[in-house]
Amino acid sequence: MQVMKILMNPETPFGDKKRLSKQMAKQFSPEAVEKSYVLLCFFKADSNSSKPSFTTVLPPPNVTGALHIGHALTAAIQDTMIRWRRMSGYNTLWVPGMDHAGIATQVVVEKKLMRTRNLTRHDIGRENFISEVSLSMI
């Protein structure tokens, strides 16, 4: 397993161009992708920097789990924008955001409440329902 991991994600020194293996991974490895984003410091900025700042929010997938080409397009455009600004001398920050599909989230949580506890959002009240929604996004 360790040999295969090295083939799929060879170590790349910080600041170097990503090293690509000769053998493409047979399945997606989120650790490899996320590692490069963390190493490039997309998710933190220097608060003491005198450089102009550029910030954008990265929306996560919807709680419904139904992804489409629009999600991929948004992520690709934001990735391009944040990299371009960074190369142009900006102090950049790509902020992971919260679920942006409120109605879809509400429907999913309401169905779960009914399925698991035979309750509606009206039965548990506003504050408890908001807590349920927050827990569903963890």
C-alpha atoms as a PDB file:
ATOM      1  CA  MET A   1       0.000   0.000   0.000  1.00  0.00           C
ATOM      2  CA  GLN A   2       2.814   2.408   0.873  1.00  0.00           C
ATOM      3  CA  VAL A   3       4.506   1.851  -2.524  1.00  0.00           C
ATOM      4  CA  MET A   4       1.231   2.601  -4.337  1.00  0.00           C
ATOM      5  CA  LYS A   5       0.726   5.775  -2.279  1.00  0.00           C
ATOM      6  CA  ILE A   6       4.193   7.007  -3.327  1.00  0.00           C
ATOM      7  CA  LEU A   7       3.371   6.346  -6.996  1.00  0.00           C
ATOM      8  CA  MET A   8       0.079   8.193  -6.693  1.00  0.00           C
ATOM      9  CA  ASN A   9       1.318  11.183  -4.694  1.00  0.00           C
ATOM     10  CA  PRO A  10       5.077  11.670  -4.740  1.00  0.00           C
ATOM     11  CA  GLU A  11       6.288  14.255  -2.257  1.00  0.00           C
ATOM     12  CA  THR A  12       6.761  17.698  -3.755  1.00  0.00           C
ATOM     13  CA  PRO A  13       8.992  20.195  -1.950  1.00  0.00           C
ATOM     14  CA  PHE A  14       7.223  23.429  -1.010  1.00  0.00           C
ATOM     15  CA  GLY A  15       7.395  25.963  -3.839  1.00  0.00           C
ATOM     16  CA  ASP A  16       8.179  23.380  -6.524  1.00  0.00           C
ATOM     17  CA  LYS A  17       5.872  22.469  -9.377  1.00  0.00           C
ATOM     18  CA  LYS A  18       3.671  19.495  -8.442  1.00  0.00           C
ATOM     19  CA  ARG A  19       5.462  16.239  -9.275  1.00  0.00           C
ATOM     20  CA  LEU A  20       3.262  13.952 -11.311  1.00  0.00           C
ATOM     21  CA  SER A  21       3.792  10.219 -11.199  1.00  0.00           C
ATOM     22  CA  LYS A  22       4.014   8.075 -14.309  1.00  0.00           C
ATOM     23  CA  GLN A  23       1.101   6.003 -13.037  1.00  0.00           C
ATOM     24  CA  MET A  24      -2.192   7.799 -12.580  1.00  0.00           C
ATOM     25  CA  ALA A  25      -4.118   6.970  -9.413  1.00  0.00           C
ATOM     26  CA  LYS A  26      -6.947   4.508  -9.853  1.00  0.00           C
ATOM     27  CA  GLN A  27      -9.231   6.554  -7.592  1.00  0.00           C
ATOM     28  CA  PHE A  28      -9.439  10.122  -6.309  1.00  0.00           C
ATOM     29  CA  SER A  29      -7.328  10.875  -3.254  1.00  0.00           C
ATOM     30  CA  PRO A  30      -8.657  13.950  -1.406  1.00  0.00           C
ATOM     31  CA  GLU A  31      -5.599  13.937   0.861  1.00  0.00           C
ATOM     32  CA  ALA A  32      -3.312  14.598  -2.107  1.00  0.00           C
ATOM     33  CA  VAL A  33      -5.396  17.498  -3.373  1.00  0.00           C
ATOM     34  CA  GLU A  34      -6.071  19.072   0.019  1.00  0.00           C
ATOM     35  CA  LYS A  35      -2.412  18.743   0.997  1.00  0.00           C
ATOM     36  CA  SER A  36      -1.333  20.900  -1.941  1.00  0.00           C
ATOM     37  CA  TYR A  37      -3.941  23.570  -1.081  1.00  0.00           C
ATOM     38  CA  VAL A  38      -2.801  23.682   2.542  1.00  0.00           C
ATOM     39  CA  LEU A  39       0.869  23.830   1.514  1.00  0.00           C
ATOM     40  CA  LEU A  40       0.102  26.737  -0.820  1.00  0.00           C
ATOM     41  CA  CYS A  41      -1.568  28.556   2.114  1.00  0.00           C
ATOM     42  CA  PHE A  42      -4.841  29.192   0.277  1.00  0.00           C
ATOM     43  CA  PHE A  43      -6.761  28.948   3.553  1.00  0.00           C
ATOM     44  CA  LYS A  44      -4.774  31.419   5.632  1.00  0.00           C
ATOM     45  CA  ALA A  45      -3.581  34.957   5.043  1.00  0.00           C
ATOM     46  CA  ASP A  46      -0.977  37.192   6.645  1.00  0.00           C
ATOM     47  CA  SER A  47      -2.955  39.703   8.714  1.00  0.00           C
ATOM     48  CA  ASN A  48       0.134  41.938   9.011  1.00  0.00           C
ATOM     49  CA  SER A  49       0.790  42.084   5.270  1.00  0.00           C
ATOM     50  CA  SER A  50       0.995  45.432   3.496  1.00  0.00           C
ATOM     51  CA  LYS A  51       0.008  43.769   0.215  1.00  0.00           C
ATOM     52  CA  PRO A  52      -3.472  44.411  -1.180  1.00  0.00           C
ATOM     53  CA  SER A  53      -5.876  41.711  -0.076  1.00  0.00           C
ATOM     54  CA  PHE A  54      -8.073  39.384  -2.129  1.00  0.00           C
ATOM     55  CA  THR A  55     -10.605  37.077  -0.457  1.00  0.00           C
ATOM     56  CA  THR A  56     -13.235  34.741  -1.843  1.00  0.00           C
ATOM     57  CA  VAL A  57     -15.549  32.210  -0.184  1.00  0.00           C
ATOM     58  CA  LEU A  58     -15.440  28.574  -1.263  1.00  0.00           C
ATOM     59  CA  PRO A  59     -18.960  27.175  -0.902  1.00  0.00           C
ATOM     60  CA  PRO A  60     -19.075  23.511   0.120  1.00  0.00           C
ATOM     61  CA  PRO A  61     -21.230  20.927  -1.623  1.00  0.00           C
ATOM     62  CA  ASN A  62     -24.907  21.046  -0.731  1.00  0.00           C
ATOM     63  CA  VAL A  63     -26.172  18.962   2.164  1.00  0.00           C
ATOM     64  CA  THR A  64     -28.201  16.976  -0.385  1.00  0.00           C
ATOM     65  CA  GLY A  65     -24.961  15.535  -1.761  1.00  0.00           C
ATOM     66  CA  ALA A  66     -26.159  16.107  -5.334  1.00  0.00           C
ATOM     67  CA  LEU A  67     -23.178  17.603  -7.148  1.00  0.00           C
ATOM     68  CA  HIS A  68     -23.277  18.844 -10.719  1.00  0.00           C
ATOM     69  CA  ILE A  69     -20.958  20.458 -13.248  1.00  0.00           C
ATOM     70  CA  GLY A  70     -21.730  23.894 -11.796  1.00  0.00           C
ATOM     71  CA  HIS A  71     -19.990  22.929  -8.551  1.00  0.00           C
ATOM     72  CA  ALA A  72     -16.870  21.876 -10.465  1.00  0.00           C
ATOM     73  CA  LEU A  73     -16.942  25.017 -12.601  1.00  0.00           C
ATOM     74  CA  THR A  74     -17.257  27.297  -9.570  1.00  0.00           C
ATOM     75  CA  ALA A  75     -14.337  25.593  -7.812  1.00  0.00           C
ATOM     76  CA  ALA A  76     -12.170  25.748 -10.958  1.00  0.00           C
ATOM     77  CA  ILE A  77     -12.880  29.458 -11.503  1.00  0.00           C
ATOM     78  CA  GLN A  78     -12.210  30.308  -7.859  1.00  0.00           C
ATOM     79  CA  ASP A  79      -9.004  28.262  -7.897  1.00  0.00           C
ATOM     80  CA  THR A  80      -7.830  30.173 -10.973  1.00  0.00           C
ATOM     81  CA  MET A  81      -8.746  33.554  -9.462  1.00  0.00           C
ATOM     82  CA  ILE A  82      -7.030  32.922  -6.136  1.00  0.00           C
ATOM     83  CA  ARG A  83      -3.859  31.619  -7.837  1.00  0.00           C
ATOM     84  CA  TRP A  84      -3.758  34.569 -10.253  1.00  0.00           C
ATOM     85  CA  ARG A  85      -4.143  37.114  -7.469  1.00  0.00           C
ATOM     86  CA  ARG A  86      -1.461  35.397  -5.419  1.00  0.00           C
ATOM     87  CA  MET A  87       0.940  35.417  -8.408  1.00  0.00           C
ATOM     88  CA  SER A  88       0.075  39.100  -8.908  1.00  0.00           C
ATOM     89  CA  GLY A  89       1.307  39.969  -5.417  1.00  0.00           C
ATOM     90  CA  TYR A  90      -1.943  39.961  -3.439  1.00  0.00           C
ATOM     91  CA  ASN A  91      -2.315  38.650   0.106  1.00  0.00           C
ATOM     92  CA  THR A  92      -4.948  36.025  -0.731  1.00  0.00           C
ATOM     93  CA  LEU A  93      -7.427  34.095   1.378  1.00  0.00           C
ATOM     94  CA  TRP A  94      -9.774  31.357   0.160  1.00  0.00           C
ATOM     95  CA  VAL A  95     -12.315  30.913   2.948  1.00  0.00           C
ATOM     96  CA  PRO A  96     -14.193  27.606   3.194  1.00  0.00           C
ATOM     97  CA  GLY A  97     -17.846  28.595   3.625  1.00  0.00           C
ATOM     98  CA  MET A  98     -21.106  27.199   4.900  1.00  0.00           C
ATOM     99  CA  ASP A  99     -23.860  25.421   2.968  1.00  0.00           C
ATOM    100  CA  HIS A 100     -25.503  27.934   0.658  1.00  0.00           C
ATOM    101  CA  ALA A 101     -28.557  25.911  -0.289  1.00  0.00           C
ATOM    102  CA  GLY A 102     -30.882  26.775   2.581  1.00  0.00           C
ATOM    103  CA  ILE A 103     -34.081  25.339   1.136  1.00  0.00           C
ATOM    104  CA  ALA A 104     -32.449  22.067   0.098  1.00  0.00           C
ATOM    105  CA  THR A 105     -30.815  21.810   3.528  1.00  0.00           C
ATOM    106  CA  GLN A 106     -34.122  22.423   5.276  1.00  0.00           C
ATOM    107  CA  VAL A 107     -35.854  19.709   3.238  1.00  0.00           C
ATOM    108  CA  VAL A 108     -33.127  17.142   3.934  1.00  0.00           C
ATOM    109  CA  VAL A 109     -33.134  17.865   7.681  1.00  0.00           C
ATOM    110  CA  GLU A 110     -36.942  17.808   7.850  1.00  0.00           C
ATOM    111  CA  LYS A 111     -37.049  14.413   6.101  1.00  0.00           C
ATOM    112  CA  LYS A 112     -34.397  13.064   8.474  1.00  0.00           C
ATOM    113  CA  LEU A 113     -36.351  14.305  11.501  1.00  0.00           C
ATOM    114  CA  MET A 114     -39.500  12.607  10.256  1.00  0.00           C
ATOM    115  CA  ARG A 115     -37.686   9.378   9.376  1.00  0.00           C
ATOM    116  CA  THR A 116     -35.649   9.075  12.585  1.00  0.00           C
ATOM    117  CA  ARG A 117     -37.903  10.654  15.243  1.00  0.00           C
ATOM    118  CA  ASN A 118     -41.304  11.061  13.585  1.00  0.00           C
ATOM    119  CA  LEU A 119     -41.174  14.834  14.272  1.00  0.00           C
ATOM    120  CA  THR A 120     -41.623  17.976  12.165  1.00  0.00           C
ATOM    121  CA  ARG A 121     -39.672  21.218  12.476  1.00  0.00           C
ATOM    122  CA  HIS A 122     -42.749  22.736  14.090  1.00  0.00           C
ATOM    123  CA  ASP A 123     -42.723  20.011  16.760  1.00  0.00           C
ATOM    124  CA  ILE A 124     -39.172  20.788  17.903  1.00  0.00           C
ATOM    125  CA  GLY A 125     -39.245  24.592  17.529  1.00  0.00           C
ATOM    126  CA  ARG A 126     -37.024  27.072  15.705  1.00  0.00           C
ATOM    127  CA  GLU A 127     -33.925  26.968  17.957  1.00  0.00           C
ATOM    128  CA  ASN A 128     -33.793  23.169  18.065  1.00  0.00           C
ATOM    129  CA  PHE A 129     -34.332  22.970  14.314  1.00  0.00           C
ATOM    130  CA  ILE A 130     -31.438  25.367  13.714  1.00  0.00           C
ATOM    131  CA  SER A 131     -29.291  23.122  15.921  1.00  0.00           C
ATOM    132  CA  GLU A 132     -30.338  20.093  13.848  1.00  0.00           C
ATOM    133  CA  VAL A 133     -29.355  21.920  10.638  1.00  0.00           C
ATOM    134  CA  SER A 134     -25.964  22.854  12.122  1.00  0.00           C
ATOM    135  CA  LEU A 135     -25.339  19.250  13.163  1.00  0.00           C
ATOM    136  CA  SER A 136     -26.205  17.998   9.670  1.00  0.00           C
ATOM    137  CA  MET A 137     -23.408  20.097   8.149  1.00  0.00           C
ATOM    138  CA  ILE A 138     -20.633  18.652  10.304  1.00  0.00           C
END
